[in-house]
Amino acid sequence: MSNFDPRAADWAKDTQAVRGGLDRSNFQETSEAIFLNSGFVYESAESAEAAFTGEVDRFV
């Protein structure tokens, strides 16, 4: 659900991009949601497989 400011039509395009509205997730937060994530590098396909199967203890 988007909540756009009705005054936004009178604003410059740059202002609209920054202040024109808020796209809320299903959690109804008071500001834009930030979804943090990380990727990890593995030395080989075998080391990645060991990490994903739980054979070694490391972040996946």
PDB file of N, CA and C in Angstrom:
ATOM      1  N   MET A   1       0.847  -1.181   0.000  1.00  0.00           N
ATOM      2  CA  MET A   1       0.000   0.000   0.000  1.00  0.00           C
ATOM      3  C   MET A   1       0.886   1.236   0.000  1.00  0.00           C
ATOM      4  N   SER A   2       0.626   2.162  -0.850  1.00  0.00           N
ATOM      5  CA  SER A   2       1.405   3.390  -0.928  1.00  0.00           C
ATOM      6  C   SER A   2       0.620   4.541  -0.324  1.00  0.00           C
ATOM      7  N   ASN A   3       1.317   5.384   0.398  1.00  0.00           N
ATOM      8  CA  ASN A   3       0.704   6.577   0.987  1.00  0.00           C
ATOM      9  C   ASN A   3       1.418   7.787   0.410  1.00  0.00           C
ATOM     10  N   PHE A   4       0.867   8.372  -0.658  1.00  0.00           N
ATOM     11  CA  PHE A   4       1.512   9.495  -1.306  1.00  0.00           C
ATOM     12  C   PHE A   4       0.892  10.805  -0.868  1.00  0.00           C
ATOM     13  N   ASP A   5       1.744  11.772  -0.651  1.00  0.00           N
ATOM     14  CA  ASP A   5       1.314  13.099  -0.237  1.00  0.00           C
ATOM     15  C   ASP A   5       0.583  13.751  -1.407  1.00  0.00           C
ATOM     16  N   PRO A   6      -0.639  14.207  -1.228  1.00  0.00           N
ATOM     17  CA  PRO A   6      -1.388  14.811  -2.336  1.00  0.00           C
ATOM     18  C   PRO A   6      -0.746  16.087  -2.869  1.00  0.00           C
ATOM     19  N   ARG A   7       0.108  16.717  -2.075  1.00  0.00           N
ATOM     20  CA  ARG A   7       0.790  17.939  -2.535  1.00  0.00           C
ATOM     21  C   ARG A   7       1.931  17.628  -3.488  1.00  0.00           C
ATOM     22  N   ALA A   8       2.325  16.357  -3.604  1.00  0.00           N
ATOM     23  CA  ALA A   8       3.505  15.970  -4.379  1.00  0.00           C
ATOM     24  C   ALA A   8       3.421  16.373  -5.843  1.00  0.00           C
ATOM     25  N   ALA A   9       2.228  16.475  -6.399  1.00  0.00           N
ATOM     26  CA  ALA A   9       2.075  16.843  -7.806  1.00  0.00           C
ATOM     27  C   ALA A   9       2.651  18.224  -8.091  1.00  0.00           C
ATOM     28  N   ASP A  10       2.706  19.103  -7.084  1.00  0.00           N
ATOM     29  CA  ASP A  10       3.224  20.460  -7.262  1.00  0.00           C
ATOM     30  C   ASP A  10       4.726  20.559  -7.028  1.00  0.00           C
ATOM     31  N   TRP A  11       5.359  19.481  -6.615  1.00  0.00           N
ATOM     32  CA  TRP A  11       6.786  19.503  -6.277  1.00  0.00           C
ATOM     33  C   TRP A  11       7.646  19.169  -7.494  1.00  0.00           C
ATOM     34  N   ALA A  12       8.906  19.601  -7.438  1.00  0.00           N
ATOM     35  CA  ALA A  12       9.867  19.239  -8.478  1.00  0.00           C
ATOM     36  C   ALA A  12      10.079  17.724  -8.449  1.00  0.00           C
ATOM     37  N   LYS A  13      10.519  17.154  -9.563  1.00  0.00           N
ATOM     38  CA  LYS A  13      10.699  15.699  -9.661  1.00  0.00           C
ATOM     39  C   LYS A  13      11.642  15.157  -8.580  1.00  0.00           C
ATOM     40  N   ASP A  14      12.752  15.872  -8.304  1.00  0.00           N
ATOM     41  CA  ASP A  14      13.690  15.406  -7.280  1.00  0.00           C
ATOM     42  C   ASP A  14      13.035  15.368  -5.906  1.00  0.00           C
ATOM     43  N   THR A  15      12.231  16.361  -5.603  1.00  0.00           N
ATOM     44  CA  THR A  15      11.531  16.391  -4.312  1.00  0.00           C
ATOM     45  C   THR A  15      10.504  15.275  -4.245  1.00  0.00           C
ATOM     46  N   GLN A  16       9.806  15.031  -5.336  1.00  0.00           N
ATOM     47  CA  GLN A  16       8.843  13.930  -5.367  1.00  0.00           C
ATOM     48  C   GLN A  16       9.527  12.598  -5.084  1.00  0.00           C
ATOM     49  N   ALA A  17      10.718  12.418  -5.648  1.00  0.00           N
ATOM     50  CA  ALA A  17      11.437  11.160  -5.467  1.00  0.00           C
ATOM     51  C   ALA A  17      11.798  10.920  -4.011  1.00  0.00           C
ATOM     52  N   VAL A  18      12.106  11.995  -3.288  1.00  0.00           N
ATOM     53  CA  VAL A  18      12.536  11.860  -1.899  1.00  0.00           C
ATOM     54  C   VAL A  18      11.368  11.945  -0.927  1.00  0.00           C
ATOM     55  N   ARG A  19      10.392  12.799  -1.196  1.00  0.00           N
ATOM     56  CA  ARG A  19       9.325  13.093  -0.234  1.00  0.00           C
ATOM     57  C   ARG A  19       7.926  12.707  -0.693  1.00  0.00           C
ATOM     58  N   GLY A  20       7.806  12.094  -1.858  1.00  0.00           N
ATOM     59  CA  GLY A  20       6.501  11.883  -2.462  1.00  0.00           C
ATOM     60  C   GLY A  20       5.615  10.846  -1.808  1.00  0.00           C
ATOM     61  N   GLY A  21       6.170   9.941  -1.034  1.00  0.00           N
ATOM     62  CA  GLY A  21       5.311   8.935  -0.432  1.00  0.00           C
ATOM     63  C   GLY A  21       6.091   7.898   0.343  1.00  0.00           C
ATOM     64  N   LEU A  22       5.364   6.927   0.840  1.00  0.00           N
ATOM     65  CA  LEU A  22       5.936   5.884   1.670  1.00  0.00           C
ATOM     66  C   LEU A  22       5.323   4.557   1.267  1.00  0.00           C
ATOM     67  N   ASP A  23       6.150   3.613   0.878  1.00  0.00           N
ATOM     68  CA  ASP A  23       5.670   2.265   0.583  1.00  0.00           C
ATOM     69  C   ASP A  23       5.884   1.421   1.826  1.00  0.00           C
ATOM     70  N   ARG A  24       4.809   1.089   2.496  1.00  0.00           N
ATOM     71  CA  ARG A  24       4.890   0.292   3.717  1.00  0.00           C
ATOM     72  C   ARG A  24       4.833  -1.195   3.382  1.00  0.00           C
ATOM     73  N   SER A  25       5.525  -1.974   4.179  1.00  0.00           N
ATOM     74  CA  SER A  25       5.394  -3.423   4.063  1.00  0.00           C
ATOM     75  C   SER A  25       4.166  -3.856   4.863  1.00  0.00           C
ATOM     76  N   ASN A  26       3.938  -5.127   4.973  1.00  0.00           N
ATOM     77  CA  ASN A  26       2.811  -5.633   5.751  1.00  0.00           C
ATOM     78  C   ASN A  26       2.978  -5.385   7.244  1.00  0.00           C
ATOM     79  N   PHE A  27       4.172  -4.921   7.669  1.00  0.00           N
ATOM     80  CA  PHE A  27       4.419  -4.651   9.074  1.00  0.00           C
ATOM     81  C   PHE A  27       4.002  -3.238   9.484  1.00  0.00           C
ATOM     82  N   GLN A  28       3.607  -2.394   8.530  1.00  0.00           N
ATOM     83  CA  GLN A  28       3.132  -1.026   8.767  1.00  0.00           C
ATOM     84  C   GLN A  28       4.133  -0.165   9.534  1.00  0.00           C
ATOM     85  N   GLU A  29       5.403  -0.226   9.135  1.00  0.00           N
ATOM     86  CA  GLU A  29       6.443   0.582   9.770  1.00  0.00           C
ATOM     87  C   GLU A  29       6.210   2.073   9.512  1.00  0.00           C
ATOM     88  N   THR A  30       6.856   2.905  10.315  1.00  0.00           N
ATOM     89  CA  THR A  30       6.680   4.351  10.186  1.00  0.00           C
ATOM     90  C   THR A  30       7.665   4.982   9.208  1.00  0.00           C
ATOM     91  N   SER A  31       8.594   4.219   8.690  1.00  0.00           N
ATOM     92  CA  SER A  31       9.522   4.702   7.667  1.00  0.00           C
ATOM     93  C   SER A  31       9.807   3.557   6.712  1.00  0.00           C
ATOM     94  N   GLU A  32      10.454   3.875   5.598  1.00  0.00           N
ATOM     95  CA  GLU A  32      10.757   2.840   4.615  1.00  0.00           C
ATOM     96  C   GLU A  32      11.520   1.706   5.270  1.00  0.00           C
ATOM     97  N   ALA A  33      11.135   0.498   4.948  1.00  0.00           N
ATOM     98  CA  ALA A  33      11.827  -0.670   5.492  1.00  0.00           C
ATOM     99  C   ALA A  33      13.202  -0.814   4.857  1.00  0.00           C
ATOM    100  N   ILE A  34      14.167  -1.200   5.650  1.00  0.00           N
ATOM    101  CA  ILE A  34      15.515  -1.478   5.171  1.00  0.00           C
ATOM    102  C   ILE A  34      15.763  -2.960   5.406  1.00  0.00           C
ATOM    103  N   PHE A  35      16.028  -3.668   4.349  1.00  0.00           N
ATOM    104  CA  PHE A  35      16.279  -5.096   4.455  1.00  0.00           C
ATOM    105  C   PHE A  35      17.770  -5.325   4.260  1.00  0.00           C
ATOM    106  N   LEU A  36      18.459  -5.597   5.366  1.00  0.00           N
ATOM    107  CA  LEU A  36      19.900  -5.814   5.316  1.00  0.00           C
ATOM    108  C   LEU A  36      20.191  -7.262   4.962  1.00  0.00           C
ATOM    109  N   ASN A  37      21.162  -7.457   4.136  1.00  0.00           N
ATOM    110  CA  ASN A  37      21.593  -8.813   3.825  1.00  0.00           C
ATOM    111  C   ASN A  37      23.070  -8.802   3.492  1.00  0.00           C
ATOM    112  N   SER A  38      23.671  -9.952   3.492  1.00  0.00           N
ATOM    113  CA  SER A  38      25.084 -10.081   3.180  1.00  0.00           C
ATOM    114  C   SER A  38      25.301 -11.309   2.320  1.00  0.00           C
ATOM    115  N   GLY A  39      26.324 -11.256   1.525  1.00  0.00           N
ATOM    116  CA  GLY A  39      26.757 -12.417   0.759  1.00  0.00           C
ATOM    117  C   GLY A  39      28.107 -12.864   1.302  1.00  0.00           C
ATOM    118  N   PHE A  40      28.417 -14.106   1.140  1.00  0.00           N
ATOM    119  CA  PHE A  40      29.672 -14.629   1.651  1.00  0.00           C
ATOM    120  C   PHE A  40      30.417 -15.331   0.532  1.00  0.00           C
ATOM    121  N   VAL A  41      31.740 -15.253   0.574  1.00  0.00           N
ATOM    122  CA  VAL A  41      32.604 -15.856  -0.430  1.00  0.00           C
ATOM    123  C   VAL A  41      33.156 -17.158   0.120  1.00  0.00           C
ATOM    124  N   TYR A  42      33.179 -18.163  -0.724  1.00  0.00           N
ATOM    125  CA  TYR A  42      33.717 -19.470  -0.358  1.00  0.00           C
ATOM    126  C   TYR A  42      34.904 -19.767  -1.256  1.00  0.00           C
ATOM    127  N   GLU A  43      35.870 -20.489  -0.707  1.00  0.00           N
ATOM    128  CA  GLU A  43      37.095 -20.783  -1.467  1.00  0.00           C
ATOM    129  C   GLU A  43      36.835 -21.732  -2.626  1.00  0.00           C
ATOM    130  N   SER A  44      35.804 -22.566  -2.502  1.00  0.00           N
ATOM    131  CA  SER A  44      35.491 -23.531  -3.560  1.00  0.00           C
ATOM    132  C   SER A  44      34.035 -23.953  -3.419  1.00  0.00           C
ATOM    133  N   ALA A  45      33.555 -24.662  -4.430  1.00  0.00           N
ATOM    134  CA  ALA A  45      32.198 -25.197  -4.360  1.00  0.00           C
ATOM    135  C   ALA A  45      32.085 -26.194  -3.211  1.00  0.00           C
ATOM    136  N   GLU A  46      33.148 -26.924  -2.967  1.00  0.00           N
ATOM    137  CA  GLU A  46      33.143 -27.905  -1.883  1.00  0.00           C
ATOM    138  C   GLU A  46      33.039 -27.233  -0.515  1.00  0.00           C
ATOM    139  N   SER A  47      33.740 -26.107  -0.318  1.00  0.00           N
ATOM    140  CA  SER A  47      33.653 -25.409   0.968  1.00  0.00           C
ATOM    141  C   SER A  47      32.274 -24.763   1.147  1.00  0.00           C
ATOM    142  N   ALA A  48      31.679 -24.309   0.064  1.00  0.00           N
ATOM    143  CA  ALA A  48      30.314 -23.772   0.138  1.00  0.00           C
ATOM    144  C   ALA A  48      29.337 -24.881   0.503  1.00  0.00           C
ATOM    145  N   GLU A  49      29.490 -26.030  -0.115  1.00  0.00           N
ATOM    146  CA  GLU A  49      28.606 -27.154   0.191  1.00  0.00           C
ATOM    147  C   GLU A  49      28.730 -27.568   1.655  1.00  0.00           C
ATOM    148  N   ALA A  50      29.965 -27.604   2.164  1.00  0.00           N
ATOM    149  CA  ALA A  50      30.178 -27.974   3.570  1.00  0.00           C
ATOM    150  C   ALA A  50      29.505 -26.967   4.506  1.00  0.00           C
ATOM    151  N   ALA A  51      29.550 -25.700   4.152  1.00  0.00           N
ATOM    152  CA  ALA A  51      28.906 -24.669   4.974  1.00  0.00           C
ATOM    153  C   ALA A  51      27.393 -24.821   4.931  1.00  0.00           C
ATOM    154  N   PHE A  52      26.830 -25.033   3.746  1.00  0.00           N
ATOM    155  CA  PHE A  52      25.377 -25.118   3.609  1.00  0.00           C
ATOM    156  C   PHE A  52      24.793 -26.402   4.193  1.00  0.00           C
ATOM    157  N   THR A  53      25.588 -27.453   4.249  1.00  0.00           N
ATOM    158  CA  THR A  53      25.091 -28.704   4.839  1.00  0.00           C
ATOM    159  C   THR A  53      25.352 -28.770   6.335  1.00  0.00           C
ATOM    160  N   GLY A  54      26.072 -27.772   6.867  1.00  0.00           N
ATOM    161  CA  GLY A  54      26.335 -27.735   8.301  1.00  0.00           C
ATOM    162  C   GLY A  54      27.552 -28.521   8.740  1.00  0.00           C
ATOM    163  N   GLU A  55      28.338 -29.013   7.771  1.00  0.00           N
ATOM    164  CA  GLU A  55      29.551 -29.760   8.114  1.00  0.00           C
ATOM    165  C   GLU A  55      30.596 -28.861   8.775  1.00  0.00           C
ATOM    166  N   VAL A  56      30.617 -27.603   8.387  1.00  0.00           N
ATOM    167  CA  VAL A  56      31.523 -26.627   9.005  1.00  0.00           C
ATOM    168  C   VAL A  56      30.661 -25.481   9.555  1.00  0.00           C
ATOM    169  N   ASP A  57      31.131 -24.867  10.604  1.00  0.00           N
ATOM    170  CA  ASP A  57      30.389 -23.783  11.238  1.00  0.00           C
ATOM    171  C   ASP A  57      30.864 -22.446  10.668  1.00  0.00           C
ATOM    172  N   ARG A  58      30.066 -21.890   9.778  1.00  0.00           N
ATOM    173  CA  ARG A  58      30.360 -20.560   9.235  1.00  0.00           C
ATOM    174  C   ARG A  58      29.080 -19.942   8.706  1.00  0.00           C
ATOM    175  N   PHE A  59      29.129 -18.644   8.440  1.00  0.00           N
ATOM    176  CA  PHE A  59      27.954 -17.932   7.957  1.00  0.00           C
ATOM    177  C   PHE A  59      27.608 -18.377   6.535  1.00  0.00           C
ATOM    178  N   VAL A  60      26.335 -18.496   6.273  1.00  0.00           N
ATOM    179  CA  VAL A  60      25.876 -18.823   4.920  1.00  0.00           C
ATOM    180  C   VAL A  60      24.846 -17.796   4.480  1.00  0.00           C
TER     181      VAL A  60
END
